[in-house]
Protein backbone atom coordinates (compact mmCIF):
# COMPACT_ATOMS: atom_id res chain seq x y z
CA MET A 1 32.32 73.78 9.29
CA LEU A 2 30.87 71.47 6.65
CA LYS A 3 30.39 72.91 3.20
CA THR A 4 26.99 72.23 1.60
CA LEU A 5 27.21 70.94 -1.96
CA LYS A 6 24.77 72.15 -4.55
CA PRO A 7 22.71 69.49 -6.39
CA ALA A 8 24.83 69.79 -9.53
CA SER A 9 27.98 69.29 -7.48
CA VAL A 10 26.50 66.19 -5.83
CA LEU A 11 25.72 64.68 -9.24
CA ALA A 12 29.23 65.41 -10.46
CA ALA A 13 30.74 63.85 -7.36
CA VAL A 14 28.67 60.68 -7.82
CA CYS A 15 29.62 60.44 -11.48
CA LEU A 16 33.28 60.71 -10.64
CA ALA A 17 33.21 58.23 -7.79
CA PRO A 18 34.73 54.94 -8.91
CA GLY A 19 32.48 51.89 -8.78
CA VAL A 20 29.29 53.86 -8.19
CA ALA A 21 26.38 52.80 -10.42
CA LEU A 22 23.92 55.52 -11.42
CA ALA A 23 21.08 53.07 -12.07
CA ALA A 24 20.22 49.59 -10.94
CA TYR A 25 19.38 46.90 -13.49
CA PRO A 26 16.74 46.54 -14.78
CA GLU A 27 15.33 49.98 -15.53
CA ARG A 28 12.86 48.94 -18.22
CA PRO A 29 11.00 45.85 -19.48
CA ILE A 30 13.00 42.85 -20.71
CA GLN A 31 12.18 40.89 -23.85
CA LEU A 32 12.41 37.11 -23.71
CA ILE A 33 12.87 35.55 -27.14
CA VAL A 34 11.17 32.18 -27.58
CA PRO A 35 12.57 30.67 -30.79
CA TYR A 36 9.49 28.49 -31.31
CA ALA A 37 5.80 29.02 -31.96
CA PRO A 38 3.26 29.63 -29.17
CA GLY A 39 1.87 26.53 -27.51
CA GLY A 40 4.96 24.33 -27.67
CA THR A 41 6.94 23.13 -24.67
CA THR A 42 9.51 25.95 -24.89
CA ASP A 43 6.73 28.54 -25.00
CA LEU A 44 4.92 26.89 -22.09
CA MET A 45 8.05 26.94 -19.92
CA ALA A 46 8.71 30.58 -20.79
CA ARG A 47 5.17 31.59 -19.89
CA ILE A 48 5.38 29.84 -16.53
CA VAL A 49 8.65 31.52 -15.56
CA ALA A 50 8.37 34.99 -17.17
CA PRO A 51 5.66 36.56 -14.94
CA LYS A 52 7.36 35.57 -11.71
CA LEU A 53 10.79 36.57 -13.06
CA GLY A 54 9.40 39.99 -13.92
CA GLU A 55 7.89 40.29 -10.45
CA THR A 56 11.23 39.36 -8.86
CA LEU A 57 13.21 41.82 -11.01
CA GLY A 58 10.68 44.62 -10.70
CA GLN A 59 10.18 44.92 -14.47
CA SER A 60 7.96 43.13 -16.96
CA VAL A 61 9.44 40.22 -18.91
CA ILE A 62 7.73 40.27 -22.29
CA ILE A 63 7.69 37.09 -24.37
CA VAL A 64 8.43 37.49 -28.08
CA ASN A 65 7.93 34.38 -30.23
CA LYS A 66 10.30 34.17 -33.20
CA PRO A 67 9.83 30.66 -34.64
CA GLY A 68 11.49 29.17 -37.69
CA ALA A 69 14.27 26.84 -38.84
CA GLY A 70 14.02 24.59 -35.79
CA GLY A 71 14.70 27.40 -33.35
CA ALA A 72 17.56 28.87 -35.38
CA LEU A 73 15.89 32.12 -36.46
CA GLY A 74 14.94 33.29 -33.00
CA SER A 75 18.22 32.16 -31.46
CA ALA A 76 20.25 33.94 -34.16
CA PHE A 77 18.17 37.08 -33.62
CA ALA A 78 18.82 37.03 -29.87
CA ALA A 79 22.55 36.45 -30.36
CA LYS A 80 22.84 39.70 -32.32
CA GLU A 81 20.92 41.86 -29.86
CA LYS A 82 22.70 44.42 -27.67
CA PRO A 83 24.34 42.66 -24.69
CA ASP A 84 22.74 44.87 -22.05
CA GLY A 85 20.51 42.37 -20.27
CA TYR A 86 17.31 43.58 -21.90
CA THR A 87 17.15 40.68 -24.36
CA LEU A 88 17.07 37.12 -23.06
CA VAL A 89 16.43 33.89 -24.94
CA MET A 90 15.09 30.47 -24.14
CA ALA A 91 18.16 28.29 -24.63
CA VAL A 92 16.87 24.75 -25.00
CA GLU A 93 18.44 21.47 -26.02
CA SER A 94 16.76 21.47 -29.42
CA SER A 95 17.92 24.97 -30.44
CA HIS A 96 21.22 25.10 -28.57
CA ALA A 97 22.59 21.59 -29.13
CA VAL A 98 20.61 19.52 -31.65
CA ASN A 99 20.00 22.19 -34.30
CA PRO A 100 23.61 23.41 -34.53
CA SER A 101 24.79 19.78 -34.71
CA VAL A 102 22.80 19.03 -37.85
CA GLN A 103 23.56 22.21 -39.79
CA LYS A 104 26.39 22.42 -42.30
CA THR A 105 26.68 26.12 -41.47
CA SER A 106 24.95 27.16 -38.28
CA MET A 107 23.46 30.65 -37.97
CA TYR A 108 25.01 30.98 -34.50
CA ASP A 109 27.45 29.32 -32.14
CA PRO A 110 25.46 27.92 -29.20
CA ILE A 111 28.43 28.31 -26.86
CA LYS A 112 30.35 31.40 -28.00
CA ASP A 113 27.37 33.58 -28.93
CA PHE A 114 25.47 33.27 -25.65
CA ALA A 115 25.94 33.86 -21.94
CA PRO A 116 24.23 31.05 -19.96
CA ILE A 117 22.10 32.20 -17.02
CA SER A 118 20.49 29.04 -15.61
CA ASN A 119 18.66 25.93 -16.60
CA LEU A 120 14.96 26.22 -15.78
CA ALA A 121 13.58 22.72 -16.12
CA ASN A 122 14.28 19.26 -17.39
CA VAL A 123 11.40 18.14 -19.54
CA LEU A 124 10.69 14.43 -19.48
CA GLY A 125 10.48 12.48 -22.71
CA VAL A 126 7.93 9.80 -23.52
CA LEU A 127 7.62 7.04 -26.12
CA ASP A 128 4.02 6.83 -27.35
CA VAL A 129 1.94 4.40 -29.41
CA ASN A 130 -1.73 4.59 -30.29
CA ALA A 131 -3.98 3.25 -27.51
CA ASN A 132 -5.47 0.79 -30.01
CA SER A 133 -2.05 -0.65 -30.87
CA ASN A 134 -1.46 -4.33 -30.18
CA ILE A 135 1.83 -3.32 -28.55
CA LYS A 136 1.37 -3.00 -24.81
CA THR A 137 4.95 -2.75 -23.50
CA PHE A 138 8.40 -1.49 -24.43
CA ALA A 139 9.66 -5.06 -24.74
CA GLU A 140 6.85 -5.92 -27.14
CA LEU A 141 7.78 -2.91 -29.31
CA VAL A 142 11.42 -3.95 -29.54
CA THR A 143 10.39 -7.54 -30.35
CA ALA A 144 8.02 -6.37 -33.11
CA LEU A 145 10.66 -4.09 -34.61
CA LYS A 146 13.24 -6.88 -34.71
CA LYS A 147 10.75 -9.31 -36.22
CA ASP A 148 9.82 -6.97 -39.12
CA PRO A 149 12.61 -4.38 -39.62
CA GLY A 150 11.41 -1.21 -41.35
CA LYS A 151 7.72 -2.17 -41.27
CA MET A 152 6.75 0.25 -38.51
CA SER A 153 7.15 4.03 -38.62
CA TYR A 154 7.78 6.92 -36.26
CA GLY A 155 6.91 10.56 -36.72
CA SER A 156 9.01 13.58 -35.79
CA SER A 157 8.86 17.36 -35.80
CA GLY A 158 11.04 17.40 -38.93
CA ASN A 159 14.39 16.31 -40.32
CA GLY A 160 17.18 17.10 -37.89
CA GLY A 161 14.87 17.99 -35.03
CA TYR A 162 15.16 16.67 -31.48
CA SER A 163 12.45 14.05 -31.92
CA HIS A 164 14.03 12.82 -35.18
CA LEU A 165 17.48 12.36 -33.70
CA TYR A 166 16.12 10.92 -30.46
CA GLY A 167 14.34 8.32 -32.59
CA GLN A 168 17.63 7.55 -34.29
CA ARG A 169 19.28 7.16 -30.88
CA PHE A 170 16.52 4.71 -29.95
CA LEU A 171 17.04 2.66 -33.12
CA ALA A 172 20.81 2.58 -32.61
CA ALA A 173 20.51 1.59 -28.94
CA THR A 174 17.94 -1.17 -29.57
CA GLY A 175 19.44 -2.41 -32.85
CA THR A 176 16.13 -1.96 -34.66
CA ASP A 177 14.80 -0.16 -37.72
CA MET A 178 11.75 2.05 -38.34
CA LEU A 179 10.68 4.30 -41.19
CA HIS A 180 11.11 7.96 -40.23
CA VAL A 181 8.20 10.24 -41.21
CA PRO A 182 9.03 13.96 -40.79
CA TYR A 183 6.29 16.51 -40.07
CA LYS A 184 6.21 20.27 -39.60
CA GLY A 185 6.00 19.95 -35.85
CA LEU A 186 5.01 17.23 -33.40
CA GLY A 187 1.39 18.41 -33.41
CA PRO A 188 0.74 17.00 -36.92
CA ALA A 189 2.72 13.88 -35.99
CA MET A 190 0.45 13.37 -32.99
CA THR A 191 -2.60 13.77 -35.22
CA ASP A 192 -1.37 10.98 -37.47
CA LEU A 193 -0.48 8.78 -34.50
CA LEU A 194 -4.06 9.16 -33.26
CA ALA A 195 -5.33 8.35 -36.76
CA GLY A 196 -3.16 5.24 -36.98
CA GLN A 197 -1.08 6.58 -39.88
CA ILE A 198 2.19 6.15 -37.95
CA ASP A 199 3.09 3.77 -35.12
CA VAL A 200 5.34 5.66 -32.71
CA ILE A 201 6.40 9.15 -31.65
CA PHE A 202 9.14 10.29 -29.29
CA ASP A 203 7.58 13.29 -27.60
CA ASN A 204 8.03 15.65 -24.67
CA LEU A 205 5.64 14.68 -21.89
CA PRO A 206 3.90 18.10 -21.75
CA SER A 207 2.79 17.66 -25.37
CA SER A 208 1.51 14.11 -24.80
CA ALA A 209 0.00 14.45 -21.33
CA GLY A 210 -3.49 15.42 -22.49
CA GLN A 211 -3.83 12.51 -24.93
CA ILE A 212 -2.40 10.08 -22.37
CA GLN A 213 -4.93 11.24 -19.77
CA ALA A 214 -7.70 10.95 -22.36
CA GLY A 215 -6.68 7.35 -23.00
CA LYS A 216 -6.01 7.95 -26.69
CA ILE A 217 -2.30 7.09 -26.65
CA ARG A 218 -0.28 4.60 -24.63
CA PRO A 219 3.08 5.56 -23.09
CA LEU A 220 5.62 2.72 -23.14
CA ALA A 221 8.59 4.42 -21.44
CA VAL A 222 9.61 7.77 -20.00
CA ALA A 223 12.96 9.54 -19.86
CA ALA A 224 12.88 10.39 -16.16
CA PRO A 225 14.92 9.84 -12.99
CA GLU A 226 12.17 7.60 -11.61
CA ARG A 227 8.63 6.50 -12.35
CA LEU A 228 6.08 9.30 -12.32
CA LYS A 229 3.34 9.44 -9.71
CA SER A 230 0.91 10.32 -12.49
CA MET A 231 1.93 7.23 -14.53
CA PRO A 232 3.12 4.64 -11.99
CA ASP A 233 2.79 1.75 -14.46
CA VAL A 234 5.10 3.31 -17.06
CA PRO A 235 8.79 2.35 -16.64
CA THR A 236 11.76 4.59 -17.26
CA TYR A 237 14.14 3.81 -20.11
CA ALA A 238 16.69 2.81 -17.48
CA GLU A 239 14.31 0.24 -16.03
CA VAL A 240 13.79 -1.43 -19.42
CA GLY A 241 17.53 -1.68 -19.94
CA TYR A 242 18.42 1.45 -21.92
CA PRO A 243 19.91 4.01 -19.51
CA THR A 244 21.55 5.95 -22.37
CA LEU A 245 18.04 6.91 -23.54
CA ASN A 246 16.97 8.02 -20.06
CA THR A 247 17.86 11.66 -20.68
CA PRO A 248 15.28 14.41 -20.14
CA SER A 249 15.58 17.49 -22.36
CA TRP A 250 16.85 20.72 -20.78
CA PHE A 251 15.12 24.10 -21.12
CA GLY A 252 17.09 27.08 -19.88
CA LEU A 253 17.69 30.80 -20.07
CA ALA A 254 20.55 32.70 -21.70
CA ALA A 255 21.53 36.15 -22.92
CA PRO A 256 23.66 37.41 -25.79
CA ALA A 257 27.39 37.00 -25.17
CA ASN A 258 29.24 39.79 -23.36
CA VAL A 259 26.43 40.83 -21.02
CA PRO A 260 28.17 42.16 -17.87
CA ASP A 261 28.69 39.62 -15.08
CA THR A 262 26.83 41.78 -12.56
CA ILE A 263 23.69 41.63 -14.71
CA LEU A 264 24.06 37.89 -15.32
CA GLU A 265 24.40 37.30 -11.59
CA THR A 266 21.31 39.40 -10.91
CA LEU A 267 19.38 37.31 -13.41
CA ASN A 268 20.73 34.02 -12.05
CA LYS A 269 19.74 34.90 -8.48
CA ALA A 270 16.30 36.00 -9.69
CA VAL A 271 15.81 32.68 -11.47
CA GLY A 272 16.79 30.89 -8.26
CA LYS A 273 14.03 32.71 -6.38
CA VAL A 274 11.51 32.00 -9.12
CA LEU A 275 12.26 28.27 -9.21
CA ALA A 276 11.93 28.08 -5.41
CA ASP A 277 8.38 29.45 -5.59
CA PRO A 278 5.84 26.70 -4.77
CA GLY A 279 3.41 28.00 -7.40
CA VAL A 280 6.04 27.90 -10.14
CA ILE A 281 7.20 24.45 -9.04
CA ALA A 282 3.63 23.16 -9.21
CA GLN A 283 3.10 24.61 -12.70
CA ILE A 284 6.34 23.14 -14.05
CA GLU A 285 5.69 19.74 -12.51
CA GLY A 286 2.15 19.91 -13.86
CA GLN A 287 3.65 20.03 -17.34
CA GLY A 288 5.58 16.83 -16.80
CA ALA A 289 8.86 18.59 -16.09
CA VAL A 290 11.27 18.95 -13.18
CA PRO A 291 12.47 22.42 -12.03
CA ASN A 292 16.26 22.65 -12.23
CA TYR A 293 17.99 25.80 -11.03
CA THR A 294 21.73 25.85 -11.77
CA THR A 295 24.65 28.19 -11.46
CA ARG A 296 25.82 29.92 -14.63
CA ALA A 297 28.84 27.64 -14.80
CA GLU A 298 26.73 24.52 -14.35
CA PHE A 299 24.41 25.54 -17.18
CA ALA A 300 27.38 26.33 -19.42
CA SER A 301 28.64 22.81 -18.75
CA ILE A 302 25.23 21.32 -19.61
CA ILE A 303 25.19 23.14 -22.94
CA LYS A 304 28.77 22.18 -23.80
CA ASN A 305 28.33 18.51 -22.89
CA SER A 306 25.02 18.28 -24.73
CA ASN A 307 26.57 19.70 -27.90
CA THR A 308 29.32 17.08 -27.74
CA GLN A 309 26.79 14.28 -27.22
CA TRP A 310 24.55 15.32 -30.11
CA GLN A 311 27.51 15.80 -32.45
CA ASP A 312 28.52 12.24 -31.59
CA VAL A 313 24.98 11.03 -32.34
CA VAL A 314 24.99 12.79 -35.72
CA LYS A 315 28.25 11.07 -36.61
CA ALA A 316 27.17 7.67 -35.29
CA ILE A 317 23.98 7.58 -37.37
CA ASN A 318 25.71 9.04 -40.45
CA PHE A 319 23.20 11.90 -40.55
CA GLU A 320 23.62 14.04 -43.65
CA LYS A 321 23.87 17.60 -42.42
CA MET A 322 21.42 20.08 -43.87
């Protein structure tokens, strides 16, 4: 005859059973740290993915913007949060490869302090000039720069930022020289490009798309696998002879180090479902980006390799660390 267990006995038996989880992750809302201000590319990518990720996981994913120090403040905050899967962070090339490479003492280790989950998207880069510029093509820009070294200028989001160092990569690759003008963000740099105060910016396509469509700026090259359907007349960097510059910027998702593997796998699989959703794909592509789901190991490799590449760039251009 079977003996009936009382409720308390059942609970005790479950608690004692090896490998039995009392609760499935996630049980409560998850915060997603965006280490940049609202409205930028990182924030846009987070806001495309977060609602669908929350729907897939069965809990809300709440975006928390913590801008400052080129992504360092928010990233450092996330790194110190409890590794329980309830704090995630947008791990992007600027904050998790470029920023640490230009700091004398970084506030965090982009590899050791985080657990990669997946890349989300590769954001295409674009080289812009004012639509009223006499320069019509990439070749004409290089010719003009070589004719009058240092006469033209390019704006960036600030010293040591992605757009600054990408500009330095461009100058090194083409053997040219331009005056660097740092701003507090690419928004002000774009304003001065439109006003004719600077000549060039190296931007992410989502930030430039509106002005390109309005005919106010002219794209000369894109960092993309192939020409874009939306800009069929604009060549890739590879097409104009500079494949080393043809590198889109990655925007991914990570957690503090030491989050349990089971939780990381749950998150990775959820991201895979999100990035397979036609609506999400359309939104990401609409921002001039390419969805890019990866395994955890693949994303870890992307972060590691990118750090090595940017450290090499910093050395090659003799950048004085901040």
